[in-house]
């Protein structure tokens, strides 16, 4: 059963476009605004208010979800992904909120805030997580597979023990990308093998790419994030998944 929180009534398309125009004129990209709360927003270079953009919802490592931590810089990360293709938001959990219990609520709240102000394509909302934020992204997307166009984990393993395939028919239609470091795969070989076997048996789609180095947010990884999402957005067939990055 889909437990997604009730969504507020969205503004009309013309109202969202006008709000986006006003925000862009006020220099919104990279700047916090009252309607955002503590969340962080990235709007693309040359933002076009009349175009329904794909939305990337970023979940960094859990220790960085607090307002007191600013290691993850959304603007810097998005510069490496694409300056023009996406709107992106990073939900921030306030000091009075529980990081684990309130993460789902924070994600829906951020999505609703952005959609109320900026034109977002309703069928092009992607979850992207880093580290344990990637595992959280898998959790949320598999629990609500109809709400997202795809999910990407950068270094966060799939939570195998949580029965996340209860909505199997919808999960099978959910594109997933797992980007990980070569050293992590070697250290967690048994977990990787179980993950691949689970997806194969379930008929679910998981593209897995392995990278040298130790940076989950390297230029190579983020460039692949851009290409993979744009392939999904444009309806192009994705490159056949492999266990190594070229």
C-alpha atoms as a PDB file:
ATOM      1  CA  UNK A   1       0.000   0.000   0.000  1.00  0.00           C
ATOM      2  CA  UNK A   2       1.362   3.376  -0.960  1.00  0.00           C
ATOM      3  CA  UNK A   3       1.785   5.492   2.195  1.00  0.00           C
ATOM      4  CA  UNK A   4       2.770   8.714   0.489  1.00  0.00           C
ATOM      5  CA  UNK A   5       1.737  11.739   2.490  1.00  0.00           C
ATOM      6  CA  UNK A   6      -1.257  13.702   1.147  1.00  0.00           C
ATOM      7  CA  UNK A   7      -0.144  16.348  -1.306  1.00  0.00           C
ATOM      8  CA  UNK A   8      -1.336  19.891  -1.057  1.00  0.00           C
ATOM      9  CA  UNK A   9      -3.340  21.288  -3.944  1.00  0.00           C
ATOM     10  CA  UNK A  10      -0.795  22.486  -6.487  1.00  0.00           C
ATOM     11  CA  UNK A  11      -0.926  25.858  -8.083  1.00  0.00           C
ATOM     12  CA  UNK A  12      -2.109  26.110 -11.640  1.00  0.00           C
ATOM     13  CA  UNK A  13       0.508  25.903 -14.358  1.00  0.00           C
ATOM     14  CA  UNK A  14       0.280  29.633 -15.076  1.00  0.00           C
ATOM     15  CA  UNK A  15       0.693  30.474 -11.385  1.00  0.00           C
ATOM     16  CA  UNK A  16       3.774  28.249 -11.099  1.00  0.00           C
ATOM     17  CA  UNK A  17       5.284  29.801 -14.203  1.00  0.00           C
ATOM     18  CA  UNK A  18       4.679  33.309 -12.878  1.00  0.00           C
ATOM     19  CA  UNK A  19       6.227  32.380  -9.528  1.00  0.00           C
ATOM     20  CA  UNK A  20       9.226  30.895 -11.311  1.00  0.00           C
ATOM     21  CA  UNK A  21       9.613  34.071 -13.344  1.00  0.00           C
ATOM     22  CA  UNK A  22       9.509  36.187 -10.187  1.00  0.00           C
ATOM     23  CA  UNK A  23      11.995  33.888  -8.436  1.00  0.00           C
ATOM     24  CA  UNK A  24      14.436  33.959 -11.331  1.00  0.00           C
ATOM     25  CA  UNK A  25      14.210  37.724 -11.496  1.00  0.00           C
ATOM     26  CA  UNK A  26      15.028  37.873  -7.797  1.00  0.00           C
ATOM     27  CA  UNK A  27      18.177  35.823  -8.293  1.00  0.00           C
ATOM     28  CA  UNK A  28      16.832  32.607  -6.791  1.00  0.00           C
ATOM     29  CA  UNK A  29      19.491  30.192  -8.136  1.00  0.00           C
ATOM     30  CA  UNK A  30      21.821  29.318  -5.275  1.00  0.00           C
ATOM     31  CA  UNK A  31      20.052  31.615  -2.807  1.00  0.00           C
ATOM     32  CA  UNK A  32      17.786  30.533   0.036  1.00  0.00           C
ATOM     33  CA  UNK A  33      14.228  31.846   0.159  1.00  0.00           C
ATOM     34  CA  UNK A  34      11.548  31.939   2.863  1.00  0.00           C
ATOM     35  CA  UNK A  35       9.312  29.484   1.031  1.00  0.00           C
ATOM     36  CA  UNK A  36      12.163  26.951   0.926  1.00  0.00           C
ATOM     37  CA  UNK A  37      12.591  26.781   4.679  1.00  0.00           C
ATOM     38  CA  UNK A  38      16.003  25.214   5.356  1.00  0.00           C
ATOM     39  CA  UNK A  39      15.990  23.281   2.067  1.00  0.00           C
ATOM     40  CA  UNK A  40      18.555  24.076  -0.616  1.00  0.00           C
ATOM     41  CA  UNK A  41      17.628  24.674  -4.226  1.00  0.00           C
ATOM     42  CA  UNK A  42      19.447  24.670  -7.542  1.00  0.00           C
ATOM     43  CA  UNK A  43      17.827  26.178 -10.625  1.00  0.00           C
ATOM     44  CA  UNK A  44      19.428  25.718 -14.046  1.00  0.00           C
ATOM     45  CA  UNK A  45      21.374  28.317 -15.956  1.00  0.00           C
ATOM     46  CA  UNK A  46      19.082  30.107 -18.402  1.00  0.00           C
ATOM     47  CA  UNK A  47      16.009  28.883 -16.546  1.00  0.00           C
ATOM     48  CA  UNK A  48      12.919  28.887 -18.795  1.00  0.00           C
ATOM     49  CA  UNK A  49       9.719  29.358 -16.740  1.00  0.00           C
ATOM     50  CA  UNK A  50       7.538  27.837 -19.482  1.00  0.00           C
ATOM     51  CA  UNK A  51       9.383  24.506 -19.505  1.00  0.00           C
ATOM     52  CA  UNK A  52       8.542  21.633 -17.127  1.00  0.00           C
ATOM     53  CA  UNK A  53      11.958  20.608 -15.804  1.00  0.00           C
ATOM     54  CA  UNK A  54      13.036  17.247 -14.422  1.00  0.00           C
ATOM     55  CA  UNK A  55      13.615  17.435 -10.665  1.00  0.00           C
ATOM     56  CA  UNK A  56      16.511  15.777  -8.827  1.00  0.00           C
ATOM     57  CA  UNK A  57      15.908  15.290  -5.104  1.00  0.00           C
ATOM     58  CA  UNK A  58      19.301  14.875  -3.427  1.00  0.00           C
ATOM     59  CA  UNK A  59      19.804  12.889  -0.225  1.00  0.00           C
ATOM     60  CA  UNK A  60      23.396  13.258   1.005  1.00  0.00           C
ATOM     61  CA  UNK A  61      24.858  11.136   3.763  1.00  0.00           C
ATOM     62  CA  UNK A  62      22.631  11.247   6.843  1.00  0.00           C
ATOM     63  CA  UNK A  63      25.146  13.154   8.932  1.00  0.00           C
ATOM     64  CA  UNK A  64      24.830  15.974   6.388  1.00  0.00           C
ATOM     65  CA  UNK A  65      21.019  16.213   6.446  1.00  0.00           C
ATOM     66  CA  UNK A  66      21.153  18.395   9.540  1.00  0.00           C
ATOM     67  CA  UNK A  67      21.215  22.183   9.154  1.00  0.00           C
ATOM     68  CA  UNK A  68      24.427  22.124  11.181  1.00  0.00           C
ATOM     69  CA  UNK A  69      26.321  20.217   8.483  1.00  0.00           C
ATOM     70  CA  UNK A  70      27.210  21.773   5.141  1.00  0.00           C
ATOM     71  CA  UNK A  71      29.796  19.398   3.684  1.00  0.00           C
ATOM     72  CA  UNK A  72      27.528  18.496   0.762  1.00  0.00           C
ATOM     73  CA  UNK A  73      27.265  21.539  -1.517  1.00  0.00           C
ATOM     74  CA  UNK A  74      24.295  21.187  -3.845  1.00  0.00           C
ATOM     75  CA  UNK A  75      25.412  23.958  -6.219  1.00  0.00           C
ATOM     76  CA  UNK A  76      28.906  22.533  -6.636  1.00  0.00           C
ATOM     77  CA  UNK A  77      27.554  19.018  -7.207  1.00  0.00           C
ATOM     78  CA  UNK A  78      25.015  20.200  -9.783  1.00  0.00           C
ATOM     79  CA  UNK A  79      27.689  22.115 -11.673  1.00  0.00           C
ATOM     80  CA  UNK A  80      29.336  18.746 -12.276  1.00  0.00           C
ATOM     81  CA  UNK A  81      26.046  17.079 -13.201  1.00  0.00           C
ATOM     82  CA  UNK A  82      24.630  19.750 -15.535  1.00  0.00           C
ATOM     83  CA  UNK A  83      24.154  23.509 -15.381  1.00  0.00           C
ATOM     84  CA  UNK A  84      21.110  23.476 -17.670  1.00  0.00           C
ATOM     85  CA  UNK A  85      19.185  20.202 -17.547  1.00  0.00           C
ATOM     86  CA  UNK A  86      17.623  20.025 -14.085  1.00  0.00           C
ATOM     87  CA  UNK A  87      16.094  21.710 -11.104  1.00  0.00           C
ATOM     88  CA  UNK A  88      17.460  20.141  -7.914  1.00  0.00           C
ATOM     89  CA  UNK A  89      16.518  20.299  -4.258  1.00  0.00           C
ATOM     90  CA  UNK A  90      18.172  19.023  -1.097  1.00  0.00           C
ATOM     91  CA  UNK A  91      15.751  18.391   1.775  1.00  0.00           C
ATOM     92  CA  UNK A  92      17.156  19.577   5.088  1.00  0.00           C
ATOM     93  CA  UNK A  93      15.910  18.176   8.365  1.00  0.00           C
ATOM     94  CA  UNK A  94      15.754  20.789  11.102  1.00  0.00           C
ATOM     95  CA  UNK A  95      17.394  20.366  14.523  1.00  0.00           C
ATOM     96  CA  UNK A  96      14.036  19.548  16.145  1.00  0.00           C
ATOM     97  CA  UNK A  97      13.254  16.752  13.667  1.00  0.00           C
ATOM     98  CA  UNK A  98      14.305  13.107  13.770  1.00  0.00           C
ATOM     99  CA  UNK A  99      16.625  12.323  10.808  1.00  0.00           C
ATOM    100  CA  UNK A 100      15.254   8.798  10.341  1.00  0.00           C
ATOM    101  CA  UNK A 101      11.579   9.237  11.179  1.00  0.00           C
ATOM    102  CA  UNK A 102      11.123  12.483   9.258  1.00  0.00           C
ATOM    103  CA  UNK A 103      13.135  11.796   6.087  1.00  0.00           C
ATOM    104  CA  UNK A 104      10.125  10.672   4.036  1.00  0.00           C
ATOM    105  CA  UNK A 105       8.177  13.719   5.164  1.00  0.00           C
ATOM    106  CA  UNK A 106      11.113  16.004   4.344  1.00  0.00           C
ATOM    107  CA  UNK A 107      11.313  14.576   0.812  1.00  0.00           C
ATOM    108  CA  UNK A 108       7.607  15.106   0.077  1.00  0.00           C
ATOM    109  CA  UNK A 109       7.717  18.560   1.657  1.00  0.00           C
ATOM    110  CA  UNK A 110      10.636  19.604  -0.544  1.00  0.00           C
ATOM    111  CA  UNK A 111       8.997  18.244  -3.692  1.00  0.00           C
ATOM    112  CA  UNK A 112       5.746  20.070  -2.930  1.00  0.00           C
ATOM    113  CA  UNK A 113       7.552  23.332  -2.159  1.00  0.00           C
ATOM    114  CA  UNK A 114       9.444  23.271  -5.442  1.00  0.00           C
ATOM    115  CA  UNK A 115       6.427  22.229  -7.533  1.00  0.00           C
ATOM    116  CA  UNK A 116       4.378  25.050  -6.024  1.00  0.00           C
ATOM    117  CA  UNK A 117       6.920  27.609  -7.267  1.00  0.00           C
ATOM    118  CA  UNK A 118       8.677  26.141 -10.299  1.00  0.00           C
ATOM    119  CA  UNK A 119       7.350  24.234 -13.314  1.00  0.00           C
ATOM    120  CA  UNK A 120       8.343  20.582 -12.751  1.00  0.00           C
ATOM    121  CA  UNK A 121       7.348  17.649 -14.940  1.00  0.00           C
ATOM    122  CA  UNK A 122       5.279  15.379 -12.648  1.00  0.00           C
ATOM    123  CA  UNK A 123       6.636  12.226 -14.289  1.00  0.00           C
ATOM    124  CA  UNK A 124      10.300  13.266 -14.165  1.00  0.00           C
ATOM    125  CA  UNK A 125      11.131  13.352 -10.468  1.00  0.00           C
ATOM    126  CA  UNK A 126      14.285  11.418  -9.568  1.00  0.00           C
ATOM    127  CA  UNK A 127      15.754  10.502  -6.195  1.00  0.00           C
ATOM    128  CA  UNK A 128      19.559  10.665  -5.927  1.00  0.00           C
ATOM    129  CA  UNK A 129      21.402   9.678  -2.769  1.00  0.00           C
ATOM    130  CA  UNK A 130      25.019   9.588  -1.646  1.00  0.00           C
ATOM    131  CA  UNK A 131      26.348   7.040   0.832  1.00  0.00           C
ATOM    132  CA  UNK A 132      23.644   5.995   3.272  1.00  0.00           C
ATOM    133  CA  UNK A 133      21.498   8.634   1.577  1.00  0.00           C
ATOM    134  CA  UNK A 134      21.646   6.334  -1.452  1.00  0.00           C
ATOM    135  CA  UNK A 135      20.251   3.471   0.614  1.00  0.00           C
ATOM    136  CA  UNK A 136      17.519   5.858   1.814  1.00  0.00           C
ATOM    137  CA  UNK A 137      16.779   6.753  -1.805  1.00  0.00           C
ATOM    138  CA  UNK A 138      16.308   3.053  -2.637  1.00  0.00           C
ATOM    139  CA  UNK A 139      13.962   2.684   0.358  1.00  0.00           C
ATOM    140  CA  UNK A 140      11.765   5.654  -0.445  1.00  0.00           C
ATOM    141  CA  UNK A 141      11.577   4.958  -4.179  1.00  0.00           C
ATOM    142  CA  UNK A 142      10.706   1.272  -3.737  1.00  0.00           C
ATOM    143  CA  UNK A 143       8.019   2.125  -1.190  1.00  0.00           C
ATOM    144  CA  UNK A 144       6.530   4.699  -3.564  1.00  0.00           C
ATOM    145  CA  UNK A 145       7.542   3.449  -7.044  1.00  0.00           C
ATOM    146  CA  UNK A 146       4.768   5.315  -8.862  1.00  0.00           C
ATOM    147  CA  UNK A 147       5.939   8.662  -7.529  1.00  0.00           C
ATOM    148  CA  UNK A 148       9.401   8.616  -9.096  1.00  0.00           C
ATOM    149  CA  UNK A 149      10.855   8.329 -12.588  1.00  0.00           C
ATOM    150  CA  UNK A 150      14.021   6.696 -11.287  1.00  0.00           C
ATOM    151  CA  UNK A 151      16.410   6.357  -8.363  1.00  0.00           C
ATOM    152  CA  UNK A 152      20.196   6.623  -8.152  1.00  0.00           C
ATOM    153  CA  UNK A 153      22.453   5.538  -5.317  1.00  0.00           C
ATOM    154  CA  UNK A 154      26.038   6.783  -5.215  1.00  0.00           C
ATOM    155  CA  UNK A 155      27.769   4.327  -2.930  1.00  0.00           C
ATOM    156  CA  UNK A 156      24.779   3.345  -0.779  1.00  0.00           C
ATOM    157  CA  UNK A 157      24.017  -0.405  -0.887  1.00  0.00           C
ATOM    158  CA  UNK A 158      20.516  -1.684  -1.536  1.00  0.00           C
ATOM    159  CA  UNK A 159      18.757  -2.580   1.764  1.00  0.00           C
ATOM    160  CA  UNK A 160      18.291  -6.305   1.252  1.00  0.00           C
ATOM    161  CA  UNK A 161      16.599  -7.140   4.541  1.00  0.00           C
ATOM    162  CA  UNK A 162      13.627  -4.773   4.290  1.00  0.00           C
ATOM    163  CA  UNK A 163      11.233  -6.453   1.826  1.00  0.00           C
ATOM    164  CA  UNK A 164      11.152  -3.449  -0.498  1.00  0.00           C
ATOM    165  CA  UNK A 165       9.630  -5.351  -3.430  1.00  0.00           C
ATOM    166  CA  UNK A 166       6.103  -5.577  -2.014  1.00  0.00           C
ATOM    167  CA  UNK A 167       4.855  -3.507  -4.991  1.00  0.00           C
ATOM    168  CA  UNK A 168       6.731  -5.678  -7.435  1.00  0.00           C
ATOM    169  CA  UNK A 169       4.828  -4.773 -10.610  1.00  0.00           C
ATOM    170  CA  UNK A 170       5.554  -1.078 -10.083  1.00  0.00           C
ATOM    171  CA  UNK A 171       9.125  -1.649  -8.876  1.00  0.00           C
ATOM    172  CA  UNK A 172       9.828  -3.547 -12.096  1.00  0.00           C
ATOM    173  CA  UNK A 173       9.016  -0.362 -14.028  1.00  0.00           C
ATOM    174  CA  UNK A 174      11.269   1.784 -11.824  1.00  0.00           C
ATOM    175  CA  UNK A 175      14.715   2.422 -13.348  1.00  0.00           C
ATOM    176  CA  UNK A 176      17.528   2.218 -10.790  1.00  0.00           C
ATOM    177  CA  UNK A 177      21.225   3.059 -11.027  1.00  0.00           C
ATOM    178  CA  UNK A 178      23.849   1.991  -8.497  1.00  0.00           C
ATOM    179  CA  UNK A 179      27.245   3.711  -8.786  1.00  0.00           C
ATOM    180  CA  UNK A 180      29.897   2.362  -6.447  1.00  0.00           C
ATOM    181  CA  UNK A 181      33.621   2.258  -5.813  1.00  0.00           C
ATOM    182  CA  UNK A 182      35.637  -0.767  -6.858  1.00  0.00           C
ATOM    183  CA  UNK A 183      37.029  -1.128  -3.348  1.00  0.00           C
ATOM    184  CA  UNK A 184      33.513  -1.250  -1.878  1.00  0.00           C
ATOM    185  CA  UNK A 185      32.449  -4.008  -4.262  1.00  0.00           C
ATOM    186  CA  UNK A 186      35.456  -6.103  -3.269  1.00  0.00           C
ATOM    187  CA  UNK A 187      34.812  -5.511   0.435  1.00  0.00           C
ATOM    188  CA  UNK A 188      31.109  -6.337   0.129  1.00  0.00           C
ATOM    189  CA  UNK A 189      31.230  -9.029  -2.529  1.00  0.00           C
ATOM    190  CA  UNK A 190      28.585 -11.182  -0.838  1.00  0.00           C
ATOM    191  CA  UNK A 191      26.149  -8.261  -0.539  1.00  0.00           C
ATOM    192  CA  UNK A 192      26.721  -7.289  -4.174  1.00  0.00           C
ATOM    193  CA  UNK A 193      26.106 -10.859  -5.319  1.00  0.00           C
ATOM    194  CA  UNK A 194      22.868 -11.088  -3.296  1.00  0.00           C
ATOM    195  CA  UNK A 195      21.686  -7.755  -4.685  1.00  0.00           C
ATOM    196  CA  UNK A 196      22.231  -8.795  -8.296  1.00  0.00           C
ATOM    197  CA  UNK A 197      20.543 -12.145  -7.690  1.00  0.00           C
ATOM    198  CA  UNK A 198      17.542 -10.452  -6.062  1.00  0.00           C
ATOM    199  CA  UNK A 199      17.026  -8.051  -8.961  1.00  0.00           C
ATOM    200  CA  UNK A 200      17.464 -10.818 -11.530  1.00  0.00           C
ATOM    201  CA  UNK A 201      14.939 -13.075  -9.780  1.00  0.00           C
ATOM    202  CA  UNK A 202      12.441 -10.213  -9.389  1.00  0.00           C
ATOM    203  CA  UNK A 203      12.800  -8.991 -12.966  1.00  0.00           C
ATOM    204  CA  UNK A 204      13.635  -5.496 -11.694  1.00  0.00           C
ATOM    205  CA  UNK A 205      15.971  -3.076 -13.463  1.00  0.00           C
ATOM    206  CA  UNK A 206      19.275  -2.200 -11.793  1.00  0.00           C
ATOM    207  CA  UNK A 207      22.158  -0.691 -13.744  1.00  0.00           C
ATOM    208  CA  UNK A 208      25.410  -1.047 -11.816  1.00  0.00           C
ATOM    209  CA  UNK A 209      28.555   0.915 -12.573  1.00  0.00           C
ATOM    210  CA  UNK A 210      31.865   0.594 -10.765  1.00  0.00           C
ATOM    211  CA  UNK A 211      34.503   3.316 -10.561  1.00  0.00           C
ATOM    212  CA  UNK A 212      38.104   3.545  -9.411  1.00  0.00           C
ATOM    213  CA  UNK A 213      39.021   5.997  -6.684  1.00  0.00           C
ATOM    214  CA  UNK A 214      37.259   6.894  -3.453  1.00  0.00           C
ATOM    215  CA  UNK A 215      34.992   9.818  -4.388  1.00  0.00           C
ATOM    216  CA  UNK A 216      31.273   9.092  -4.795  1.00  0.00           C
ATOM    217  CA  UNK A 217      30.839  12.585  -6.281  1.00  0.00           C
ATOM    218  CA  UNK A 218      33.660  12.533  -8.826  1.00  0.00           C
ATOM    219  CA  UNK A 219      33.284  14.181 -12.232  1.00  0.00           C
ATOM    220  CA  UNK A 220      33.030  10.772 -13.913  1.00  0.00           C
ATOM    221  CA  UNK A 221      30.253   9.599 -11.589  1.00  0.00           C
ATOM    222  CA  UNK A 222      28.218  12.800 -11.865  1.00  0.00           C
ATOM    223  CA  UNK A 223      28.622  12.922 -15.636  1.00  0.00           C
ATOM    224  CA  UNK A 224      27.128   9.417 -15.749  1.00  0.00           C
ATOM    225  CA  UNK A 225      24.273  10.595 -13.523  1.00  0.00           C
ATOM    226  CA  UNK A 226      23.485  13.305 -16.078  1.00  0.00           C
ATOM    227  CA  UNK A 227      23.626  10.897 -19.030  1.00  0.00           C
ATOM    228  CA  UNK A 228      21.548   8.222 -17.309  1.00  0.00           C
ATOM    229  CA  UNK A 229      18.803  10.617 -16.223  1.00  0.00           C
ATOM    230  CA  UNK A 230      18.671  12.301 -19.627  1.00  0.00           C
ATOM    231  CA  UNK A 231      18.381   8.888 -21.298  1.00  0.00           C
ATOM    232  CA  UNK A 232      15.362   8.207 -19.083  1.00  0.00           C
ATOM    233  CA  UNK A 233      13.885  11.660 -19.732  1.00  0.00           C
ATOM    234  CA  UNK A 234      14.356  11.451 -23.502  1.00  0.00           C
ATOM    235  CA  UNK A 235      13.232   7.843 -23.727  1.00  0.00           C
ATOM    236  CA  UNK A 236      16.511   6.632 -25.174  1.00  0.00           C
ATOM    237  CA  UNK A 237      17.625   3.071 -24.478  1.00  0.00           C
ATOM    238  CA  UNK A 238      20.167   3.075 -21.685  1.00  0.00           C
ATOM    239  CA  UNK A 239      23.619   1.633 -22.206  1.00  0.00           C
ATOM    240  CA  UNK A 240      23.714  -2.050 -21.290  1.00  0.00           C
ATOM    241  CA  UNK A 241      24.678  -2.187 -17.590  1.00  0.00           C
ATOM    242  CA  UNK A 242      28.136  -3.479 -16.837  1.00  0.00           C
ATOM    243  CA  UNK A 243      30.167  -4.191 -13.740  1.00  0.00           C
ATOM    244  CA  UNK A 244      32.914  -1.763 -14.670  1.00  0.00           C
ATOM    245  CA  UNK A 245      33.128   1.802 -15.798  1.00  0.00           C
ATOM    246  CA  UNK A 246      34.883   2.515 -19.043  1.00  0.00           C
END
